[in-house]
Amino acid sequence: MREYAGDGWRARGASRSGLSSIFMVLVLAWLIIGAIAGGQRHYYDSAPTNCASTGTIAVTIIAGPLNYLGMNPKVGDCHVNVPQPSP
């Protein structure tokens, strides 16, 4: 049975989860494409040795399909302050 919910007709008990499900599938597909691009660039062949290589892997995954449109994100340098224990 359908009922009017103020913003349109929808089935009884239905919610807007359909739109959010589609959005989540698109985000997941975007990140998977970015992970594939990182694999094609051999970023996963060895463990990241520093902050810059880890950052490059992360921005490549986040860039997703833009990698195939010519974007080649790289992190050149980064500094992480790691607290040292006092003697």
PDB file of N, CA and C in Angstrom:
ATOM      1  N   MET A   1       0.843  -1.168   0.000  1.00  0.00           N
ATOM      2  CA  MET A   1       0.000   0.000   0.000  1.00  0.00           C
ATOM      3  C   MET A   1       0.889   1.232   0.000  1.00  0.00           C
ATOM      4  N   ARG A   2       0.449   2.271  -0.691  1.00  0.00           N
ATOM      5  CA  ARG A   2       1.233   3.504  -0.766  1.00  0.00           C
ATOM      6  C   ARG A   2       0.539   4.594   0.008  1.00  0.00           C
ATOM      7  N   GLU A   3       1.320   5.465   0.562  1.00  0.00           N
ATOM      8  CA  GLU A   3       0.765   6.591   1.307  1.00  0.00           C
ATOM      9  C   GLU A   3       1.553   7.844   0.965  1.00  0.00           C
ATOM     10  N   TYR A   4       0.902   8.976   1.117  1.00  0.00           N
ATOM     11  CA  TYR A   4       1.557  10.235   0.829  1.00  0.00           C
ATOM     12  C   TYR A   4       2.311  10.686   2.075  1.00  0.00           C
ATOM     13  N   ALA A   5       3.614  10.973   1.920  1.00  0.00           N
ATOM     14  CA  ALA A   5       4.450  11.299   3.080  1.00  0.00           C
ATOM     15  C   ALA A   5       4.843  12.767   3.111  1.00  0.00           C
ATOM     16  N   GLY A   6       4.166  13.616   2.381  1.00  0.00           N
ATOM     17  CA  GLY A   6       4.499  15.034   2.383  1.00  0.00           C
ATOM     18  C   GLY A   6       5.521  15.395   1.326  1.00  0.00           C
ATOM     19  N   ASP A   7       6.497  14.512   1.104  1.00  0.00           N
ATOM     20  CA  ASP A   7       7.510  14.774   0.080  1.00  0.00           C
ATOM     21  C   ASP A   7       7.315  13.860  -1.126  1.00  0.00           C
ATOM     22  N   GLY A   8       6.222  13.154  -1.178  1.00  0.00           N
ATOM     23  CA  GLY A   8       5.922  12.299  -2.317  1.00  0.00           C
ATOM     24  C   GLY A   8       5.324  10.988  -1.875  1.00  0.00           C
ATOM     25  N   TRP A   9       4.918  10.180  -2.847  1.00  0.00           N
ATOM     26  CA  TRP A   9       4.314   8.882  -2.559  1.00  0.00           C
ATOM     27  C   TRP A   9       5.403   7.859  -2.345  1.00  0.00           C
ATOM     28  N   ARG A  10       5.226   7.028  -1.348  1.00  0.00           N
ATOM     29  CA  ARG A  10       6.149   5.930  -1.133  1.00  0.00           C
ATOM     30  C   ARG A  10       5.414   4.791  -0.439  1.00  0.00           C
ATOM     31  N   ALA A  11       6.016   3.623  -0.518  1.00  0.00           N
ATOM     32  CA  ALA A  11       5.399   2.447   0.093  1.00  0.00           C
ATOM     33  C   ALA A  11       5.410   2.578   1.611  1.00  0.00           C
ATOM     34  N   ARG A  12       4.408   2.015   2.214  1.00  0.00           N
ATOM     35  CA  ARG A  12       4.318   2.071   3.673  1.00  0.00           C
ATOM     36  C   ARG A  12       5.537   1.365   4.279  1.00  0.00           C
ATOM     37  N   GLY A  13       6.182   2.003   5.237  1.00  0.00           N
ATOM     38  CA  GLY A  13       7.350   1.437   5.892  1.00  0.00           C
ATOM     39  C   GLY A  13       8.646   1.720   5.156  1.00  0.00           C
ATOM     40  N   ALA A  14       8.555   2.270   3.965  1.00  0.00           N
ATOM     41  CA  ALA A  14       9.775   2.563   3.207  1.00  0.00           C
ATOM     42  C   ALA A  14      10.385   3.860   3.715  1.00  0.00           C
ATOM     43  N   SER A  15      11.667   3.960   3.581  1.00  0.00           N
ATOM     44  CA  SER A  15      12.360   5.180   3.999  1.00  0.00           C
ATOM     45  C   SER A  15      13.256   5.650   2.868  1.00  0.00           C
ATOM     46  N   ARG A  16      14.063   6.609   3.155  1.00  0.00           N
ATOM     47  CA  ARG A  16      14.977   7.133   2.139  1.00  0.00           C
ATOM     48  C   ARG A  16      16.250   6.313   2.051  1.00  0.00           C
ATOM     49  N   SER A  17      16.262   5.124   2.572  1.00  0.00           N
ATOM     50  CA  SER A  17      17.464   4.305   2.565  1.00  0.00           C
ATOM     51  C   SER A  17      17.879   3.909   1.153  1.00  0.00           C
ATOM     52  N   GLY A  18      16.964   3.937   0.206  1.00  0.00           N
ATOM     53  CA  GLY A  18      17.317   3.614  -1.173  1.00  0.00           C
ATOM     54  C   GLY A  18      18.320   4.591  -1.730  1.00  0.00           C
ATOM     55  N   LEU A  19      18.098   5.877  -1.477  1.00  0.00           N
ATOM     56  CA  LEU A  19      19.030   6.898  -1.953  1.00  0.00           C
ATOM     57  C   LEU A  19      20.370   6.799  -1.245  1.00  0.00           C
ATOM     58  N   SER A  20      20.349   6.551   0.044  1.00  0.00           N
ATOM     59  CA  SER A  20      21.606   6.439   0.774  1.00  0.00           C
ATOM     60  C   SER A  20      22.355   5.170   0.379  1.00  0.00           C
ATOM     61  N   SER A  21      21.633   4.114   0.037  1.00  0.00           N
ATOM     62  CA  SER A  21      22.288   2.887  -0.419  1.00  0.00           C
ATOM     63  C   SER A  21      22.991   3.111  -1.742  1.00  0.00           C
ATOM     64  N   ILE A  22      22.331   3.814  -2.649  1.00  0.00           N
ATOM     65  CA  ILE A  22      22.951   4.123  -3.941  1.00  0.00           C
ATOM     66  C   ILE A  22      24.191   4.980  -3.737  1.00  0.00           C
ATOM     67  N   PHE A  23      24.107   5.959  -2.850  1.00  0.00           N
ATOM     68  CA  PHE A  23      25.247   6.823  -2.562  1.00  0.00           C
ATOM     69  C   PHE A  23      26.418   6.008  -1.999  1.00  0.00           C
ATOM     70  N   MET A  24      26.134   5.105  -1.083  1.00  0.00           N
ATOM     71  CA  MET A  24      27.203   4.289  -0.488  1.00  0.00           C
ATOM     72  C   MET A  24      27.840   3.362  -1.515  1.00  0.00           C
ATOM     73  N   VAL A  25      27.050   2.822  -2.421  1.00  0.00           N
ATOM     74  CA  VAL A  25      27.597   1.968  -3.476  1.00  0.00           C
ATOM     75  C   VAL A  25      28.508   2.784  -4.387  1.00  0.00           C
ATOM     76  N   LEU A  26      28.096   4.009  -4.708  1.00  0.00           N
ATOM     77  CA  LEU A  26      28.939   4.873  -5.552  1.00  0.00           C
ATOM     78  C   LEU A  26      30.249   5.230  -4.858  1.00  0.00           C
ATOM     79  N   VAL A  27      30.191   5.536  -3.572  1.00  0.00           N
ATOM     80  CA  VAL A  27      31.412   5.862  -2.819  1.00  0.00           C
ATOM     81  C   VAL A  27      32.333   4.651  -2.766  1.00  0.00           C
ATOM     82  N   LEU A  28      31.776   3.483  -2.508  1.00  0.00           N
ATOM     83  CA  LEU A  28      32.569   2.261  -2.455  1.00  0.00           C
ATOM     84  C   LEU A  28      33.211   1.975  -3.809  1.00  0.00           C
ATOM     85  N   ALA A  29      32.456   2.122  -4.886  1.00  0.00           N
ATOM     86  CA  ALA A  29      33.005   1.908  -6.230  1.00  0.00           C
ATOM     87  C   ALA A  29      34.119   2.904  -6.520  1.00  0.00           C
ATOM     88  N   TRP A  30      33.938   4.165  -6.102  1.00  0.00           N
ATOM     89  CA  TRP A  30      34.954   5.214  -6.290  1.00  0.00           C
ATOM     90  C   TRP A  30      36.262   4.804  -5.611  1.00  0.00           C
ATOM     91  N   LEU A  31      36.176   4.336  -4.362  1.00  0.00           N
ATOM     92  CA  LEU A  31      37.372   3.955  -3.612  1.00  0.00           C
ATOM     93  C   LEU A  31      38.013   2.689  -4.167  1.00  0.00           C
ATOM     94  N   ILE A  32      37.208   1.752  -4.643  1.00  0.00           N
ATOM     95  CA  ILE A  32      37.760   0.538  -5.245  1.00  0.00           C
ATOM     96  C   ILE A  32      38.533   0.882  -6.509  1.00  0.00           C
ATOM     97  N   ILE A  33      37.999   1.783  -7.329  1.00  0.00           N
ATOM     98  CA  ILE A  33      38.706   2.207  -8.544  1.00  0.00           C
ATOM     99  C   ILE A  33      40.023   2.871  -8.169  1.00  0.00           C
ATOM    100  N   GLY A  34      40.037   3.674  -7.107  1.00  0.00           N
ATOM    101  CA  GLY A  34      41.276   4.294  -6.642  1.00  0.00           C
ATOM    102  C   GLY A  34      42.276   3.265  -6.158  1.00  0.00           C
ATOM    103  N   ALA A  35      41.801   2.227  -5.468  1.00  0.00           N
ATOM    104  CA  ALA A  35      42.693   1.167  -4.997  1.00  0.00           C
ATOM    105  C   ALA A  35      43.285   0.391  -6.176  1.00  0.00           C
ATOM    106  N   ILE A  36      42.487   0.173  -7.207  1.00  0.00           N
ATOM    107  CA  ILE A  36      42.990  -0.499  -8.413  1.00  0.00           C
ATOM    108  C   ILE A  36      44.071   0.354  -9.076  1.00  0.00           C
ATOM    109  N   ALA A  37      43.856   1.655  -9.136  1.00  0.00           N
ATOM    110  CA  ALA A  37      44.862   2.553  -9.726  1.00  0.00           C
ATOM    111  C   ALA A  37      46.162   2.495  -8.935  1.00  0.00           C
ATOM    112  N   GLY A  38      46.074   2.431  -7.613  1.00  0.00           N
ATOM    113  CA  GLY A  38      47.279   2.306  -6.791  1.00  0.00           C
ATOM    114  C   GLY A  38      48.012   1.005  -7.065  1.00  0.00           C
ATOM    115  N   GLY A  39      47.262  -0.067  -7.273  1.00  0.00           N
ATOM    116  CA  GLY A  39      47.884  -1.350  -7.608  1.00  0.00           C
ATOM    117  C   GLY A  39      48.564  -1.318  -8.965  1.00  0.00           C
ATOM    118  N   GLN A  40      47.953  -0.640  -9.929  1.00  0.00           N
ATOM    119  CA  GLN A  40      48.556  -0.544 -11.257  1.00  0.00           C
ATOM    120  C   GLN A  40      49.831   0.296 -11.244  1.00  0.00           C
ATOM    121  N   ARG A  41      49.940   1.173 -10.261  1.00  0.00           N
ATOM    122  CA  ARG A  41      51.155   1.984 -10.117  1.00  0.00           C
ATOM    123  C   ARG A  41      52.163   1.328  -9.183  1.00  0.00           C
ATOM    124  N   HIS A  42      51.886   0.112  -8.756  1.00  0.00           N
ATOM    125  CA  HIS A  42      52.780  -0.696  -7.917  1.00  0.00           C
ATOM    126  C   HIS A  42      53.066  -0.048  -6.570  1.00  0.00           C
ATOM    127  N   TYR A  43      52.088   0.649  -6.018  1.00  0.00           N
ATOM    128  CA  TYR A  43      52.277   1.268  -4.709  1.00  0.00           C
ATOM    129  C   TYR A  43      52.230   0.240  -3.586  1.00  0.00           C
ATOM    130  N   TYR A  44      51.671  -0.929  -3.834  1.00  0.00           N
ATOM    131  CA  TYR A  44      51.507  -1.929  -2.783  1.00  0.00           C
ATOM    132  C   TYR A  44      52.590  -3.005  -2.817  1.00  0.00           C
ATOM    133  N   ASP A  45      53.584  -2.853  -3.696  1.00  0.00           N
ATOM    134  CA  ASP A  45      54.623  -3.883  -3.825  1.00  0.00           C
ATOM    135  C   ASP A  45      55.482  -3.999  -2.577  1.00  0.00           C
ATOM    136  N   SER A  46      55.723  -2.898  -1.897  1.00  0.00           N
ATOM    137  CA  SER A  46      56.505  -2.938  -0.665  1.00  0.00           C
ATOM    138  C   SER A  46      55.816  -2.059   0.372  1.00  0.00           C
ATOM    139  N   ALA A  47      56.156  -2.282   1.608  1.00  0.00           N
ATOM    140  CA  ALA A  47      55.546  -1.501   2.683  1.00  0.00           C
ATOM    141  C   ALA A  47      55.984  -0.045   2.590  1.00  0.00           C
ATOM    142  N   PRO A  48      55.086   0.888   2.886  1.00  0.00           N
ATOM    143  CA  PRO A  48      55.474   2.301   2.873  1.00  0.00           C
ATOM    144  C   PRO A  48      56.613   2.550   3.864  1.00  0.00           C
ATOM    145  N   THR A  49      57.602   3.281   3.411  1.00  0.00           N
ATOM    146  CA  THR A  49      58.771   3.515   4.257  1.00  0.00           C
ATOM    147  C   THR A  49      58.707   4.837   5.001  1.00  0.00           C
ATOM    148  N   ASN A  50      57.829   5.715   4.575  1.00  0.00           N
ATOM    149  CA  ASN A  50      57.739   7.009   5.256  1.00  0.00           C
ATOM    150  C   ASN A  50      56.335   7.581   5.094  1.00  0.00           C
ATOM    151  N   CYS A  51      56.164   8.735   5.672  1.00  0.00           N
ATOM    152  CA  CYS A  51      54.859   9.407   5.661  1.00  0.00           C
ATOM    153  C   CYS A  51      54.431   9.779   4.236  1.00  0.00           C
ATOM    154  N   ALA A  52      55.383  10.184   3.403  1.00  0.00           N
ATOM    155  CA  ALA A  52      55.051  10.623   2.047  1.00  0.00           C
ATOM    156  C   ALA A  52      54.515   9.476   1.200  1.00  0.00           C
ATOM    157  N   SER A  53      55.105   8.296   1.319  1.00  0.00           N
ATOM    158  CA  SER A  53      54.609   7.171   0.518  1.00  0.00           C
ATOM    159  C   SER A  53      53.232   6.714   1.002  1.00  0.00           C
ATOM    160  N   THR A  54      53.009   6.754   2.299  1.00  0.00           N
ATOM    161  CA  THR A  54      51.684   6.430   2.823  1.00  0.00           C
ATOM    162  C   THR A  54      50.664   7.463   2.354  1.00  0.00           C
ATOM    163  N   GLY A  55      51.030   8.726   2.372  1.00  0.00           N
ATOM    164  CA  GLY A  55      50.140   9.787   1.908  1.00  0.00           C
ATOM    165  C   GLY A  55      49.824   9.667   0.428  1.00  0.00           C
ATOM    166  N   THR A  56      50.813   9.289  -0.374  1.00  0.00           N
ATOM    167  CA  THR A  56      50.598   9.116  -1.806  1.00  0.00           C
ATOM    168  C   THR A  56      49.602   7.999  -2.069  1.00  0.00           C
ATOM    169  N   ILE A  57      49.718   6.898  -1.342  1.00  0.00           N
ATOM    170  CA  ILE A  57      48.766   5.796  -1.496  1.00  0.00           C
ATOM    171  C   ILE A  57      47.366   6.270  -1.128  1.00  0.00           C
ATOM    172  N   ALA A  58      47.249   7.007  -0.024  1.00  0.00           N
ATOM    173  CA  ALA A  58      45.936   7.476   0.433  1.00  0.00           C
ATOM    174  C   ALA A  58      45.287   8.430  -0.568  1.00  0.00           C
ATOM    175  N   VAL A  59      46.032   9.405  -1.078  1.00  0.00           N
ATOM    176  CA  VAL A  59      45.414  10.357  -2.009  1.00  0.00           C
ATOM    177  C   VAL A  59      45.105   9.711  -3.355  1.00  0.00           C
ATOM    178  N   THR A  60      45.868   8.685  -3.740  1.00  0.00           N
ATOM    179  CA  THR A  60      45.558   7.965  -4.975  1.00  0.00           C
ATOM    180  C   THR A  60      44.229   7.232  -4.838  1.00  0.00           C
ATOM    181  N   ILE A  61      44.012   6.595  -3.695  1.00  0.00           N
ATOM    182  CA  ILE A  61      42.754   5.891  -3.471  1.00  0.00           C
ATOM    183  C   ILE A  61      41.594   6.879  -3.418  1.00  0.00           C
ATOM    184  N   ILE A  62      41.779   7.996  -2.736  1.00  0.00           N
ATOM    185  CA  ILE A  62      40.713   8.993  -2.623  1.00  0.00           C
ATOM    186  C   ILE A  62      40.394   9.628  -3.978  1.00  0.00           C
ATOM    187  N   ALA A  63      41.407   9.776  -4.836  1.00  0.00           N
ATOM    188  CA  ALA A  63      41.187  10.379  -6.160  1.00  0.00           C
ATOM    189  C   ALA A  63      40.323   9.489  -7.050  1.00  0.00           C
ATOM    190  N   GLY A  64      40.323   8.192  -6.796  1.00  0.00           N
ATOM    191  CA  GLY A  64      39.458   7.269  -7.528  1.00  0.00           C
ATOM    192  C   GLY A  64      39.608   7.340  -9.032  1.00  0.00           C
ATOM    193  N   PRO A  65      38.504   7.481  -9.767  1.00  0.00           N
ATOM    194  CA  PRO A  65      38.538   7.493 -11.229  1.00  0.00           C
ATOM    195  C   PRO A  65      39.306   8.675 -11.817  1.00  0.00           C
ATOM    196  N   LEU A  66      39.539   9.699 -11.027  1.00  0.00           N
ATOM    197  CA  LEU A  66      40.292  10.843 -11.544  1.00  0.00           C
ATOM    198  C   LEU A  66      41.711  10.440 -11.926  1.00  0.00           C
ATOM    199  N   ASN A  67      42.202   9.337 -11.372  1.00  0.00           N
ATOM    200  CA  ASN A  67      43.518   8.826 -11.746  1.00  0.00           C
ATOM    201  C   ASN A  67      43.576   8.506 -13.236  1.00  0.00           C
ATOM    202  N   TYR A  68      42.457   8.050 -13.786  1.00  0.00           N
ATOM    203  CA  TYR A  68      42.416   7.665 -15.190  1.00  0.00           C
ATOM    204  C   TYR A  68      42.131   8.855 -16.106  1.00  0.00           C
ATOM    205  N   LEU A  69      41.901  10.014 -15.520  1.00  0.00           N
ATOM    206  CA  LEU A  69      41.713  11.231 -16.312  1.00  0.00           C
ATOM    207  C   LEU A  69      42.966  12.099 -16.284  1.00  0.00           C
ATOM    208  N   GLY A  70      44.077  11.528 -15.845  1.00  0.00           N
ATOM    209  CA  GLY A  70      45.354  12.238 -15.870  1.00  0.00           C
ATOM    210  C   GLY A  70      45.838  12.722 -14.520  1.00  0.00           C
ATOM    211  N   MET A  71      45.044  12.594 -13.483  1.00  0.00           N
ATOM    212  CA  MET A  71      45.483  13.039 -12.162  1.00  0.00           C
ATOM    213  C   MET A  71      46.461  12.020 -11.591  1.00  0.00           C
ATOM    214  N   ASN A  72      47.595  12.491 -11.109  1.00  0.00           N
ATOM    215  CA  ASN A  72      48.590  11.616 -10.509  1.00  0.00           C
ATOM    216  C   ASN A  72      49.016  12.237  -9.183  1.00  0.00           C
ATOM    217  N   PRO A  73      48.182  12.076  -8.148  1.00  0.00           N
ATOM    218  CA  PRO A  73      48.487  12.747  -6.880  1.00  0.00           C
ATOM    219  C   PRO A  73      49.700  12.143  -6.197  1.00  0.00           C
ATOM    220  N   LYS A  74      50.542  12.997  -5.662  1.00  0.00           N
ATOM    221  CA  LYS A  74      51.729  12.566  -4.920  1.00  0.00           C
ATOM    222  C   LYS A  74      51.892  13.469  -3.715  1.00  0.00           C
ATOM    223  N   VAL A  75      52.359  12.892  -2.643  1.00  0.00           N
ATOM    224  CA  VAL A  75      52.713  13.663  -1.458  1.00  0.00           C
ATOM    225  C   VAL A  75      54.226  13.713  -1.442  1.00  0.00           C
ATOM    226  N   GLY A  76      54.777  14.922  -1.582  1.00  0.00           N
ATOM    227  CA  GLY A  76      56.224  15.068  -1.684  1.00  0.00           C
ATOM    228  C   GLY A  76      56.942  14.955  -0.361  1.00  0.00           C
ATOM    229  N   ASP A  77      56.417  15.590   0.655  1.00  0.00           N
ATOM    230  CA  ASP A  77      57.113  15.610   1.932  1.00  0.00           C
ATOM    231  C   ASP A  77      56.094  15.845   3.038  1.00  0.00           C
ATOM    232  N   CYS A  78      56.267  15.190   4.125  1.00  0.00           N
ATOM    233  CA  CYS A  78      55.414  15.440   5.280  1.00  0.00           C
ATOM    234  C   CYS A  78      56.211  15.148   6.543  1.00  0.00           C
ATOM    235  N   HIS A  79      55.812  15.784   7.584  1.00  0.00           N
ATOM    236  CA  HIS A  79      56.510  15.622   8.860  1.00  0.00           C
ATOM    237  C   HIS A  79      55.495  15.241   9.925  1.00  0.00           C
ATOM    238  N   VAL A  80      55.812  14.207  10.657  1.00  0.00           N
ATOM    239  CA  VAL A  80      54.951  13.767  11.750  1.00  0.00           C
ATOM    240  C   VAL A  80      55.757  13.888  13.030  1.00  0.00           C
ATOM    241  N   ASN A  81      55.232  14.652  13.963  1.00  0.00           N
ATOM    242  CA  ASN A  81      55.897  14.785  15.249  1.00  0.00           C
ATOM    243  C   ASN A  81      55.461  13.643  16.161  1.00  0.00           C
ATOM    244  N   VAL A  82      56.382  12.751  16.421  1.00  0.00           N
ATOM    245  CA  VAL A  82      56.110  11.610  17.279  1.00  0.00           C
ATOM    246  C   VAL A  82      56.688  11.923  18.658  1.00  0.00           C
ATOM    247  N   PRO A  83      55.851  11.925  19.665  1.00  0.00           N
ATOM    248  CA  PRO A  83      56.373  12.231  21.003  1.00  0.00           C
ATOM    249  C   PRO A  83      57.341  11.128  21.475  1.00  0.00           C
ATOM    250  N   GLN A  84      58.438  11.546  22.033  1.00  0.00           N
ATOM    251  CA  GLN A  84      59.447  10.624  22.537  1.00  0.00           C
ATOM    252  C   GLN A  84      59.326  10.548  24.043  1.00  0.00           C
ATOM    253  N   PRO A  85      59.525   9.375  24.613  1.00  0.00           N
ATOM    254  CA  PRO A  85      59.466   9.267  26.065  1.00  0.00           C
ATOM    255  C   PRO A  85      60.636  10.023  26.705  1.00  0.00           C
ATOM    256  N   SER A  86      60.365  10.636  27.825  1.00  0.00           N
ATOM    257  CA  SER A  86      61.434  11.372  28.496  1.00  0.00           C
ATOM    258  C   SER A  86      62.291  10.402  29.302  1.00  0.00           C
ATOM    259  N   PRO A  87      63.606  10.670  29.360  1.00  0.00           N
ATOM    260  CA  PRO A  87      64.530   9.738  30.067  1.00  0.00           C
ATOM    261  C   PRO A  87      64.370   9.754  31.561  1.00  0.00           C
TER     262      PRO A  87
END
